[in-house]
């Protein structure tokens, strides 16, 4: 039985990327399958995190555009004050 072990994580907890062929060749077929599944899952996780960061950046850009449009709308169509609404109500009641 081959008791070859492989250190797959860096000191920061991420999966290493600098494996030598000899390190991988020393693994049993079962451990190789697990190793490649781990590396693939780590890559998928990193890709998903990159997508989330891109989505956050897109969201921030959209929010900035929305805020600018909302400010322009409020500038062109300011909300009515209480006094203006009161005058409208009085004018309507006289009809």
Protein backbone atom coordinates (compact mmCIF):
# COMPACT_ATOMS: atom_id res chain seq x y z
CA UNK A 1 0.00 0.00 0.00
CA UNK A 2 1.33 3.40 -0.96
CA UNK A 3 1.16 5.84 1.94
CA UNK A 4 2.19 8.81 -0.21
CA UNK A 5 0.60 12.00 1.04
CA UNK A 6 0.39 15.31 -0.70
CA UNK A 7 0.14 18.74 0.90
CA UNK A 8 -2.51 20.45 -1.21
CA UNK A 9 -3.13 23.62 0.80
CA UNK A 10 -1.01 26.70 1.24
CA UNK A 11 -0.42 28.21 4.67
CA UNK A 12 -3.35 30.53 3.92
CA UNK A 13 -5.79 27.69 3.22
CA UNK A 14 -6.06 27.96 -0.54
CA UNK A 15 -5.29 25.08 -2.88
CA UNK A 16 -1.74 25.03 -4.22
CA UNK A 17 -1.18 25.33 -7.97
CA UNK A 18 2.50 24.34 -8.16
CA UNK A 19 2.31 20.54 -8.09
CA UNK A 20 5.15 18.58 -9.64
CA UNK A 21 4.26 15.63 -11.85
CA UNK A 22 6.13 13.33 -9.47
CA UNK A 23 3.89 14.40 -6.59
CA UNK A 24 0.74 13.54 -8.52
CA UNK A 25 2.16 10.33 -10.01
CA UNK A 26 2.89 9.06 -6.49
CA UNK A 27 -0.79 9.03 -5.61
CA UNK A 28 -2.99 5.96 -5.81
CA UNK A 29 -5.71 6.03 -8.47
CA UNK A 30 -8.35 6.65 -5.79
CA UNK A 31 -6.36 9.53 -4.31
CA UNK A 32 -5.69 10.94 -7.80
CA UNK A 33 -9.42 11.04 -8.46
CA UNK A 34 -9.98 12.83 -5.14
CA UNK A 35 -7.07 15.18 -5.83
CA UNK A 36 -8.37 16.21 -9.25
CA UNK A 37 -11.90 16.63 -7.85
CA UNK A 38 -10.47 18.91 -5.16
CA UNK A 39 -8.50 20.99 -7.65
CA UNK A 40 -11.52 21.29 -9.94
CA UNK A 41 -13.78 22.30 -7.04
CA UNK A 42 -11.24 24.91 -5.92
CA UNK A 43 -11.10 26.35 -9.44
CA UNK A 44 -14.90 26.41 -9.67
CA UNK A 45 -15.03 28.18 -6.30
CA UNK A 46 -12.52 30.81 -7.42
CA UNK A 47 -14.45 31.34 -10.67
CA UNK A 48 -17.70 31.76 -8.74
CA UNK A 49 -16.08 34.29 -6.39
CA UNK A 50 -14.80 36.23 -9.41
CA UNK A 51 -18.34 36.23 -10.87
CA UNK A 52 -19.70 37.57 -7.58
CA UNK A 53 -17.13 40.37 -7.57
CA UNK A 54 -18.02 41.24 -11.17
CA UNK A 55 -21.72 41.24 -10.28
CA UNK A 56 -21.04 43.55 -7.32
CA UNK A 57 -19.14 45.93 -9.59
CA UNK A 58 -21.98 45.86 -12.13
CA UNK A 59 -24.51 46.48 -9.36
CA UNK A 60 -22.52 49.46 -8.10
CA UNK A 61 -22.39 50.94 -11.61
CA UNK A 62 -26.14 50.42 -12.07
CA UNK A 63 -26.87 51.98 -8.68
CA UNK A 64 -24.77 55.01 -9.60
CA UNK A 65 -26.70 55.38 -12.87
CA UNK A 66 -30.03 54.93 -11.08
CA UNK A 67 -29.15 57.48 -8.41
CA UNK A 68 -28.17 60.03 -11.04
CA UNK A 69 -31.41 59.44 -12.97
CA UNK A 70 -33.47 59.69 -9.79
CA UNK A 71 -31.77 62.95 -8.81
CA UNK A 72 -32.45 64.37 -12.27
CA UNK A 73 -36.09 63.27 -12.07
CA UNK A 74 -36.49 64.93 -8.68
CA UNK A 75 -34.85 68.07 -10.01
CA UNK A 76 -37.30 68.23 -12.94
CA UNK A 77 -40.33 67.07 -10.92
CA UNK A 78 -39.88 68.17 -7.33
CA UNK A 79 -42.32 66.69 -4.85
CA UNK A 80 -45.18 68.92 -3.84
CA UNK A 81 -44.91 70.71 -0.54
CA UNK A 82 -47.61 70.57 2.09
CA UNK A 83 -48.58 74.15 1.31
CA UNK A 84 -48.99 73.42 -2.42
CA UNK A 85 -51.17 70.40 -1.70
CA UNK A 86 -53.24 72.46 0.75
CA UNK A 87 -53.80 75.15 -1.90
CA UNK A 88 -54.89 72.49 -4.43
CA UNK A 89 -57.29 70.99 -1.92
CA UNK A 90 -58.82 74.41 -1.15
CA UNK A 91 -59.14 75.19 -4.87
CA UNK A 92 -60.82 71.83 -5.47
CA UNK A 93 -63.25 72.36 -2.59
CA UNK A 94 -64.42 75.70 -4.07
CA UNK A 95 -65.55 74.01 -7.29
